[in-house]
Amino acid sequence: MLRNNMDAAEYKHIVLGLIFLKYISDAFEAKHAELAAAAAAGEGADPEDPDEYKAQSIFWVPREARWSHLKAQAPQPTIGRTVDDAMDAIERENPALKGVLPKDFARPGLDKARLAQLINLVSDIGLGSPADRARDILGRVYEYFLAQFASAEGKKGGQFYTPSRVVRVLVEMLAPYKGRVYDPCSGSGATTWRLANMNLAIRGIGANIAGGDSFHADA
């Protein structure tokens, strides 16, 4: 219903971008509450010090990019620009996400009333608390949506989605738990590049994902 007549490939960016934003905001808010409690107890922690978050691989989220602010602004007709500004602010404060986040929520073709509904819907999903991160709720939500979008897009879905059972077999065979991993088939196009970078960034894994033809130029 919220997708309306929007193409699955386009709607995918809207949904996954918002889910990612909710995740990093939830993780930030959980740490913020912890630091605020410590400060109230006189332990000197500053909940607005970016270094307190970066030291624990938690992204620093500026006030204008926090989910509570976005939810409060959702009814406004300018919500698309508010989300784009939030993405810009997060990239500005976190170099690992530079150029990775989607920033086209303000475009005229995106129904802002439906965007507001989607923000309210995502607001009910807990993603970034320590317990949620331990259970990898974000990974499960992403996996579910990617599977649904792959189904909606038909055969083109194979360009960006690998079924979880196939992934599990590959992981068990390769056991990539130490050292470096080279994947010559990390997908194609900017969409896959963004999703892969977001996935690695939230897990604190350093990577260099580059475009090219691995058949003719073995990296």
C-alpha atoms as a PDB file:
ATOM      1  CA  MET A   1       0.000   0.000   0.000  1.00  0.00           C
ATOM      2  CA  LEU A   2       2.761   2.463   0.900  1.00  0.00           C
ATOM      3  CA  ARG A   3       4.664   1.517  -2.231  1.00  0.00           C
ATOM      4  CA  ASN A   4       1.657   2.479  -4.383  1.00  0.00           C
ATOM      5  CA  ASN A   5       2.739   2.464  -8.055  1.00  0.00           C
ATOM      6  CA  MET A   6       6.436   3.015  -7.301  1.00  0.00           C
ATOM      7  CA  ASP A   7       8.809   0.601  -8.984  1.00  0.00           C
ATOM      8  CA  ALA A   8      10.279  -2.005  -6.631  1.00  0.00           C
ATOM      9  CA  ALA A   9      13.855  -1.023  -7.510  1.00  0.00           C
ATOM     10  CA  GLU A  10      13.105   2.594  -6.550  1.00  0.00           C
ATOM     11  CA  TYR A  11      11.098   1.809  -3.413  1.00  0.00           C
ATOM     12  CA  LYS A  12      13.927  -0.428  -2.216  1.00  0.00           C
ATOM     13  CA  HIS A  13      16.233   2.582  -1.768  1.00  0.00           C
ATOM     14  CA  ILE A  14      13.602   4.474   0.207  1.00  0.00           C
ATOM     15  CA  VAL A  15      12.904   1.634   2.633  1.00  0.00           C
ATOM     16  CA  LEU A  16      16.467   0.417   3.158  1.00  0.00           C
ATOM     17  CA  GLY A  17      17.791   3.969   3.512  1.00  0.00           C
ATOM     18  CA  LEU A  18      15.289   4.733   6.269  1.00  0.00           C
ATOM     19  CA  ILE A  19      15.965   1.431   8.026  1.00  0.00           C
ATOM     20  CA  PHE A  20      19.696   2.128   8.029  1.00  0.00           C
ATOM     21  CA  LEU A  21      19.100   5.620   9.407  1.00  0.00           C
ATOM     22  CA  LYS A  22      16.865   4.187  12.143  1.00  0.00           C
ATOM     23  CA  TYR A  23      19.517   1.628  13.042  1.00  0.00           C
ATOM     24  CA  ILE A  24      22.380   4.060  13.538  1.00  0.00           C
ATOM     25  CA  SER A  25      20.086   6.471  15.384  1.00  0.00           C
ATOM     26  CA  ASP A  26      18.890   3.692  17.721  1.00  0.00           C
ATOM     27  CA  ALA A  27      22.477   2.619  18.422  1.00  0.00           C
ATOM     28  CA  PHE A  28      23.427   6.241  19.094  1.00  0.00           C
ATOM     29  CA  GLU A  29      20.462   6.851  21.382  1.00  0.00           C
ATOM     30  CA  ALA A  30      21.198   3.705  23.414  1.00  0.00           C
ATOM     31  CA  LYS A  31      24.765   4.892  24.008  1.00  0.00           C
ATOM     32  CA  HIS A  32      23.558   8.444  24.619  1.00  0.00           C
ATOM     33  CA  ALA A  33      21.248   7.247  27.399  1.00  0.00           C
ATOM     34  CA  GLU A  34      24.109   5.260  28.946  1.00  0.00           C
ATOM     35  CA  LEU A  35      26.420   8.287  28.906  1.00  0.00           C
ATOM     36  CA  ALA A  36      23.713  10.598  30.249  1.00  0.00           C
ATOM     37  CA  ALA A  37      23.126   8.243  33.175  1.00  0.00           C
ATOM     38  CA  ALA A  38      26.853   8.163  33.890  1.00  0.00           C
ATOM     39  CA  ALA A  39      27.034  11.956  33.741  1.00  0.00           C
ATOM     40  CA  ALA A  40      24.112  12.245  36.160  1.00  0.00           C
ATOM     41  CA  ALA A  41      26.012   9.977  38.536  1.00  0.00           C
ATOM     42  CA  GLY A  42      28.967  12.355  38.402  1.00  0.00           C
ATOM     43  CA  GLU A  43      31.243  10.126  36.353  1.00  0.00           C
ATOM     44  CA  GLY A  44      32.072  12.906  33.912  1.00  0.00           C
ATOM     45  CA  ALA A  45      30.946  11.334  30.623  1.00  0.00           C
ATOM     46  CA  ASP A  46      29.595  13.843  28.104  1.00  0.00           C
ATOM     47  CA  PRO A  47      26.725  12.382  26.057  1.00  0.00           C
ATOM     48  CA  GLU A  48      27.330  15.018  23.354  1.00  0.00           C
ATOM     49  CA  ASP A  49      31.020  14.177  22.862  1.00  0.00           C
ATOM     50  CA  PRO A  50      31.449  12.459  19.457  1.00  0.00           C
ATOM     51  CA  ASP A  51      34.620  10.697  20.617  1.00  0.00           C
ATOM     52  CA  GLU A  52      32.645   8.724  23.221  1.00  0.00           C
ATOM     53  CA  TYR A  53      30.757   7.045  20.357  1.00  0.00           C
ATOM     54  CA  LYS A  54      33.533   6.624  17.842  1.00  0.00           C
ATOM     55  CA  ALA A  55      35.657   4.854  20.482  1.00  0.00           C
ATOM     56  CA  GLN A  56      33.038   2.076  20.475  1.00  0.00           C
ATOM     57  CA  SER A  57      32.418   2.011  16.710  1.00  0.00           C
ATOM     58  CA  ILE A  58      29.058   3.744  17.082  1.00  0.00           C
ATOM     59  CA  PHE A  59      28.298   6.413  14.504  1.00  0.00           C
ATOM     60  CA  TRP A  60      27.950   9.963  15.813  1.00  0.00           C
ATOM     61  CA  VAL A  61      24.481  11.248  14.892  1.00  0.00           C
ATOM     62  CA  PRO A  62      23.978  15.054  14.912  1.00  0.00           C
ATOM     63  CA  ARG A  63      20.781  16.379  16.477  1.00  0.00           C
ATOM     64  CA  GLU A  64      19.183  17.132  13.111  1.00  0.00           C
ATOM     65  CA  ALA A  65      19.685  13.522  11.986  1.00  0.00           C
ATOM     66  CA  ARG A  66      18.322  11.723  15.042  1.00  0.00           C
ATOM     67  CA  TRP A  67      15.250   9.618  14.472  1.00  0.00           C
ATOM     68  CA  SER A  68      13.211  11.458  17.099  1.00  0.00           C
ATOM     69  CA  HIS A  69      13.689  14.663  15.099  1.00  0.00           C
ATOM     70  CA  LEU A  70      12.719  13.011  11.810  1.00  0.00           C
ATOM     71  CA  LYS A  71       9.600  11.469  13.324  1.00  0.00           C
ATOM     72  CA  ALA A  72       8.556  14.838  14.751  1.00  0.00           C
ATOM     73  CA  GLN A  73       9.025  16.439  11.318  1.00  0.00           C
ATOM     74  CA  ALA A  74       7.306  13.643   9.376  1.00  0.00           C
ATOM     75  CA  PRO A  75       3.929  15.469   9.000  1.00  0.00           C
ATOM     76  CA  GLN A  76       5.619  18.478   7.376  1.00  0.00           C
ATOM     77  CA  PRO A  77       5.646  18.779   3.561  1.00  0.00           C
ATOM     78  CA  THR A  78       9.402  19.385   3.777  1.00  0.00           C
ATOM     79  CA  ILE A  79      10.109  15.947   5.294  1.00  0.00           C
ATOM     80  CA  GLY A  80      11.930  14.819   2.146  1.00  0.00           C
ATOM     81  CA  ARG A  81      14.474  17.619   2.470  1.00  0.00           C
ATOM     82  CA  THR A  82      14.743  16.909   6.216  1.00  0.00           C
ATOM     83  CA  VAL A  83      15.704  13.285   5.533  1.00  0.00           C
ATOM     84  CA  ASP A  84      18.207  14.303   2.830  1.00  0.00           C
ATOM     85  CA  ASP A  85      19.765  16.824   5.225  1.00  0.00           C
ATOM     86  CA  ALA A  86      19.995  14.104   7.891  1.00  0.00           C
ATOM     87  CA  MET A  87      21.833  11.814   5.475  1.00  0.00           C
ATOM     88  CA  ASP A  88      24.209  14.652   4.549  1.00  0.00           C
ATOM     89  CA  ALA A  89      24.890  15.425   8.216  1.00  0.00           C
ATOM     90  CA  ILE A  90      25.680  11.798   9.036  1.00  0.00           C
ATOM     91  CA  GLU A  91      28.057  11.495   6.078  1.00  0.00           C
ATOM     92  CA  ARG A  92      29.749  14.736   7.082  1.00  0.00           C
ATOM     93  CA  GLU A  93      30.385  13.477  10.624  1.00  0.00           C
ATOM     94  CA  ASN A  94      31.313   9.897   9.683  1.00  0.00           C
ATOM     95  CA  PRO A  95      33.889   9.575   6.869  1.00  0.00           C
ATOM     96  CA  ALA A  96      33.257   5.808   6.554  1.00  0.00           C
ATOM     97  CA  LEU A  97      29.811   6.627   5.140  1.00  0.00           C
ATOM     98  CA  LYS A  98      30.921   9.361   2.730  1.00  0.00           C
ATOM     99  CA  GLY A  99      28.965   9.075  -0.521  1.00  0.00           C
ATOM    100  CA  VAL A 100      27.215   5.893   0.646  1.00  0.00           C
ATOM    101  CA  LEU A 101      23.812   7.004   1.943  1.00  0.00           C
ATOM    102  CA  PRO A 102      20.820   7.660  -0.357  1.00  0.00           C
ATOM    103  CA  LYS A 103      19.904  11.342  -0.629  1.00  0.00           C
ATOM    104  CA  ASP A 104      16.962  11.707  -2.998  1.00  0.00           C
ATOM    105  CA  PHE A 105      14.009  11.826  -0.599  1.00  0.00           C
ATOM    106  CA  ALA A 106      13.160  15.429  -1.545  1.00  0.00           C
ATOM    107  CA  ARG A 107      12.532  14.686  -5.215  1.00  0.00           C
ATOM    108  CA  PRO A 108       9.094  15.811  -6.466  1.00  0.00           C
ATOM    109  CA  GLY A 109       8.043  12.314  -7.555  1.00  0.00           C
ATOM    110  CA  LEU A 110       8.146  10.928  -4.012  1.00  0.00           C
ATOM    111  CA  ASP A 111       4.798  11.276  -2.223  1.00  0.00           C
ATOM    112  CA  LYS A 112       5.681  13.027   1.065  1.00  0.00           C
ATOM    113  CA  ALA A 113       2.520  11.809   2.805  1.00  0.00           C
ATOM    114  CA  ARG A 114       3.527   8.212   2.084  1.00  0.00           C
ATOM    115  CA  LEU A 115       7.085   8.966   3.173  1.00  0.00           C
ATOM    116  CA  ALA A 116       5.685  10.213   6.489  1.00  0.00           C
ATOM    117  CA  GLN A 117       3.651   7.010   6.852  1.00  0.00           C
ATOM    118  CA  LEU A 118       6.742   4.941   6.166  1.00  0.00           C
ATOM    119  CA  ILE A 119       8.752   6.853   8.779  1.00  0.00           C
ATOM    120  CA  ASN A 120       6.022   6.184  11.344  1.00  0.00           C
ATOM    121  CA  LEU A 121       6.015   2.504  10.403  1.00  0.00           C
ATOM    122  CA  VAL A 122       9.800   2.155  10.716  1.00  0.00           C
ATOM    123  CA  SER A 123       9.614   3.964  14.059  1.00  0.00           C
ATOM    124  CA  ASP A 124       8.062   0.838  15.577  1.00  0.00           C
ATOM    125  CA  ILE A 125      11.051  -1.353  14.660  1.00  0.00           C
ATOM    126  CA  GLY A 126      13.746  -1.651  17.332  1.00  0.00           C
ATOM    127  CA  LEU A 127      17.105  -1.994  15.578  1.00  0.00           C
ATOM    128  CA  GLY A 128      20.085  -0.498  17.361  1.00  0.00           C
ATOM    129  CA  SER A 129      19.967  -1.357  21.057  1.00  0.00           C
ATOM    130  CA  PRO A 130      22.735  -3.673  22.335  1.00  0.00           C
ATOM    131  CA  ALA A 131      20.256  -6.570  22.476  1.00  0.00           C
ATOM    132  CA  ASP A 132      19.001  -5.880  18.949  1.00  0.00           C
ATOM    133  CA  ARG A 133      22.555  -5.645  17.623  1.00  0.00           C
ATOM    134  CA  ALA A 134      23.473  -8.935  19.292  1.00  0.00           C
ATOM    135  CA  ARG A 135      20.546 -10.623  17.547  1.00  0.00           C
ATOM    136  CA  ASP A 136      21.406  -8.813  14.284  1.00  0.00           C
ATOM    137  CA  ILE A 137      17.870  -7.491  13.873  1.00  0.00           C
ATOM    138  CA  LEU A 138      19.113  -5.126  11.158  1.00  0.00           C
ATOM    139  CA  GLY A 139      20.555  -8.032   9.163  1.00  0.00           C
ATOM    140  CA  ARG A 140      17.300  -9.955   9.425  1.00  0.00           C
ATOM    141  CA  VAL A 141      15.191  -6.962   8.408  1.00  0.00           C
ATOM    142  CA  TYR A 142      17.484  -6.234   5.440  1.00  0.00           C
ATOM    143  CA  GLU A 143      17.403  -9.883   4.406  1.00  0.00           C
ATOM    144  CA  TYR A 144      13.607  -9.935   4.507  1.00  0.00           C
ATOM    145  CA  PHE A 145      13.194  -6.765   2.460  1.00  0.00           C
ATOM    146  CA  LEU A 146      15.852  -7.717  -0.090  1.00  0.00           C
ATOM    147  CA  ALA A 147      14.121 -11.059  -0.613  1.00  0.00           C
ATOM    148  CA  GLN A 148      10.775  -9.312  -1.122  1.00  0.00           C
ATOM    149  CA  PHE A 149      12.233  -6.778  -3.550  1.00  0.00           C
ATOM    150  CA  ALA A 150      14.057  -9.509  -5.462  1.00  0.00           C
ATOM    151  CA  SER A 151      10.753 -11.334  -5.873  1.00  0.00           C
ATOM    152  CA  ALA A 152       9.019  -8.152  -7.043  1.00  0.00           C
ATOM    153  CA  GLU A 153      11.756  -7.325  -9.542  1.00  0.00           C
ATOM    154  CA  GLY A 154      11.785 -10.802 -11.055  1.00  0.00           C
ATOM    155  CA  LYS A 155      14.953 -12.166 -12.629  1.00  0.00           C
ATOM    156  CA  LYS A 156      16.738  -8.817 -12.215  1.00  0.00           C
ATOM    157  CA  GLY A 157      16.648  -9.392  -8.466  1.00  0.00           C
ATOM    158  CA  GLY A 158      19.530 -11.839  -8.774  1.00  0.00           C
ATOM    159  CA  GLN A 159      21.784  -8.863  -9.448  1.00  0.00           C
ATOM    160  CA  PHE A 160      21.620  -7.800  -5.816  1.00  0.00           C
ATOM    161  CA  TYR A 161      20.182 -10.625  -3.739  1.00  0.00           C
ATOM    162  CA  THR A 162      21.698 -13.976  -2.819  1.00  0.00           C
ATOM    163  CA  PRO A 163      19.369 -16.321  -0.877  1.00  0.00           C
ATOM    164  CA  SER A 164      20.405 -16.693   2.764  1.00  0.00           C
ATOM    165  CA  ARG A 165      20.855 -20.472   2.496  1.00  0.00           C
ATOM    166  CA  VAL A 166      23.384 -20.008  -0.304  1.00  0.00           C
ATOM    167  CA  VAL A 167      25.201 -17.379   1.755  1.00  0.00           C
ATOM    168  CA  ARG A 168      25.342 -19.741   4.750  1.00  0.00           C
ATOM    169  CA  VAL A 169      26.829 -22.546   2.634  1.00  0.00           C
ATOM    170  CA  LEU A 170      29.498 -20.207   1.254  1.00  0.00           C
ATOM    171  CA  VAL A 171      30.388 -18.882   4.701  1.00  0.00           C
ATOM    172  CA  GLU A 172      30.672 -22.386   6.156  1.00  0.00           C
ATOM    173  CA  MET A 173      32.899 -23.468   3.263  1.00  0.00           C
ATOM    174  CA  LEU A 174      35.172 -20.430   3.310  1.00  0.00           C
ATOM    175  CA  ALA A 175      35.221 -19.799   7.101  1.00  0.00           C
ATOM    176  CA  PRO A 176      36.274 -16.148   6.635  1.00  0.00           C
ATOM    177  CA  TYR A 177      36.949 -15.464  10.302  1.00  0.00           C
ATOM    178  CA  LYS A 178      40.499 -14.119  10.044  1.00  0.00           C
ATOM    179  CA  GLY A 179      42.832 -12.519   7.532  1.00  0.00           C
ATOM    180  CA  ARG A 180      41.569 -10.769   4.394  1.00  0.00           C
ATOM    181  CA  VAL A 181      38.817 -11.721   1.967  1.00  0.00           C
ATOM    182  CA  TYR A 182      38.782 -10.990  -1.748  1.00  0.00           C
ATOM    183  CA  ASP A 183      35.410 -11.162  -3.462  1.00  0.00           C
ATOM    184  CA  PRO A 184      35.676 -10.619  -7.235  1.00  0.00           C
ATOM    185  CA  CYS A 185      31.880 -10.729  -7.659  1.00  0.00           C
ATOM    186  CA  SER A 186      30.572  -8.196  -5.164  1.00  0.00           C
ATOM    187  CA  GLY A 187      27.721  -7.211  -7.436  1.00  0.00           C
ATOM    188  CA  SER A 188      27.187  -4.508 -10.004  1.00  0.00           C
ATOM    189  CA  GLY A 189      26.173  -0.886  -9.996  1.00  0.00           C
ATOM    190  CA  ALA A 190      25.929   1.897  -7.405  1.00  0.00           C
ATOM    191  CA  THR A 191      23.051   0.231  -5.528  1.00  0.00           C
ATOM    192  CA  THR A 192      25.063  -2.840  -4.581  1.00  0.00           C
ATOM    193  CA  TRP A 193      28.097  -0.710  -3.753  1.00  0.00           C
ATOM    194  CA  ARG A 194      26.047   1.381  -1.320  1.00  0.00           C
ATOM    195  CA  LEU A 195      24.394  -1.599   0.368  1.00  0.00           C
ATOM    196  CA  ALA A 196      27.712  -3.422   0.765  1.00  0.00           C
ATOM    197  CA  ASN A 197      29.413  -0.357   2.240  1.00  0.00           C
ATOM    198  CA  MET A 198      26.572   0.255   4.696  1.00  0.00           C
ATOM    199  CA  ASN A 199      26.618  -3.384   5.762  1.00  0.00           C
ATOM    200  CA  LEU A 200      30.366  -3.364   6.389  1.00  0.00           C
ATOM    201  CA  ALA A 201      30.425   0.057   8.035  1.00  0.00           C
ATOM    202  CA  ILE A 202      27.946  -0.800  10.787  1.00  0.00           C
ATOM    203  CA  ARG A 203      30.003  -3.885  11.609  1.00  0.00           C
ATOM    204  CA  GLY A 204      33.281  -1.983  11.754  1.00  0.00           C
ATOM    205  CA  ILE A 205      34.841  -3.953   8.897  1.00  0.00           C
ATOM    206  CA  GLY A 206      37.306  -2.074   6.712  1.00  0.00           C
ATOM    207  CA  ALA A 207      36.939  -2.695   2.990  1.00  0.00           C
ATOM    208  CA  ASN A 208      37.761  -1.334  -0.434  1.00  0.00           C
ATOM    209  CA  ILE A 209      34.892  -1.961  -2.811  1.00  0.00           C
ATOM    210  CA  ALA A 210      35.863  -0.782  -6.273  1.00  0.00           C
ATOM    211  CA  GLY A 211      34.144  -0.826  -9.630  1.00  0.00           C
ATOM    212  CA  GLY A 212      35.671  -2.739 -12.499  1.00  0.00           C
ATOM    213  CA  ASP A 213      35.711  -5.952 -14.494  1.00  0.00           C
ATOM    214  CA  SER A 214      37.358  -8.664 -12.396  1.00  0.00           C
ATOM    215  CA  PHE A 215      37.567 -10.992 -15.391  1.00  0.00           C
ATOM    216  CA  HIS A 216      39.870  -8.633 -17.278  1.00  0.00           C
ATOM    217  CA  ALA A 217      41.559  -6.871 -14.334  1.00  0.00           C
ATOM    218  CA  ASP A 218      42.128  -9.233 -11.387  1.00  0.00           C
ATOM    219  CA  ALA A 219      42.384  -6.986  -8.318  1.00  0.00           C
END
